[in-house]
Amino acid sequence: MSIFLVDEYKDMEPYVPGEQPKDKQYIKLNANETSLPPSPNVFEAISKKQIWNMSYYADPHCHEFRKAVAEVYGVSENEVFVGNGADEVLSFVLMSFFRRGMKIYFPDITYGFYRTYAKTYGLDMEEIPVKDDFSIAINDYMDLDGDIIFANPNNPTGLTVAVSDIEALVRKKPDRMIIVDEAYVDYSGETCLPLAVKYPNLVVVRTFSKSRNMAGTHIGFAVSCKSIIDDMNKIKFSFNPFNMNSVTMAAGIAAVKDTIYMENCVSEIIKNREYFSNELKKINFHVIPSKANFVFCYNDAIDSSDLCDRLKKEGILTRHFADKLLTKYLRITIGTRQEMDVVLVAIKEILSNADGY
């Protein structure tokens, strides 16, 4: 590191994304993207006119995009904040409402970026253990004094907390902020989004990277009360007013309005998830009942790290976590039915050569 790096960042632990190897063609099931294309309307939205207009700055207020999101989700434009991916949106939440040393709580098994951000912003973080079955015990959070963030469905388990429980948590202490990351919510069917405009201490964060099939465009948004969104926009305009480009917003508007296409894609992924989970169970896998676009599983006959490596040699990327709480498991994103059949054939072949199987 250089001599100029600020002291508080010297022990920072950057988030490690899923690998993106380019040495050959892979079935890519390691980063919870989707193998499905975006809405056909997106292809039409990115027109020659959009490309020509690249010579001008995009609308820093993102009015048309925020309006489109608001119309689809039944809120007002003033209750929507948009950003360059859900991670940036989360960053703006932390920049806006957290100061160094503030307390923040999140599960000990959840999306790793919460830990990274907490360290980056110098927060006093505390990780609350999940239950033995990996579920989040909402009662463990009820009486906590600090603010709380968690993913619902959770990553990497795919388990959910009931919206009624989340509402009880939000109501318990109105002066405590609750941030719910709903990256995978379209695969579960139960959202907190209506609560975000009902309660002034709740922020719900969403992404286009999963159910909208647009990870490459990196679009995220938050829904909350107007005062929260006003504060976030004030910070954005003090940091990066032009955080969204015109082409991305045009694609986002087209995608968010095509709800029928999104619902069809979600239905396909859910169907493939249930099929794949059942097939894994037939070959003695332990599979956590997921409500996301991935499964979290293991087989006693083979170490999950070894299985991950062997699948990679077969041209299939999955995600293994070194964390001692997670190392037993392998996370596999759900792709097309054809892709999942290829994975099953590969797993069966690997297991047939595994010791003790």
Foldseek 3Di string as FASTA:
>chain_A
DDPPDDPLCPPFDDDDAFDDDDPDFFAEFAHQFEPDAFDPLLVVLLDPVQVVCLVDFDDLLLQVLLCLLCVLVVHHSLQKDKFQALLVVVLLLCVLPHAAAAEEEEAPAFDPVVVNSCSVRNYNYDHDYDDPLRHRDLVVQQPDDEAYEAEAVGPPAQDGDALVSVVSSCVSDLVHAYEYEDAFVLLQVHDNQVVQQVGQRYKYKYWCRHLSSPVVRRMIMIGHHSVSSVSSQVVCVVPPSRRDGSSSSSSSSSSSNPVVVSNVSSVQLSVQVVVLVVLCVVVAKDWRDHSGQKIKIAHPQDFQVVVQVQVVVVRYHWDADPPPVGRRIIITGGYGNVVSVVVSVSSVVVSVPTPPD
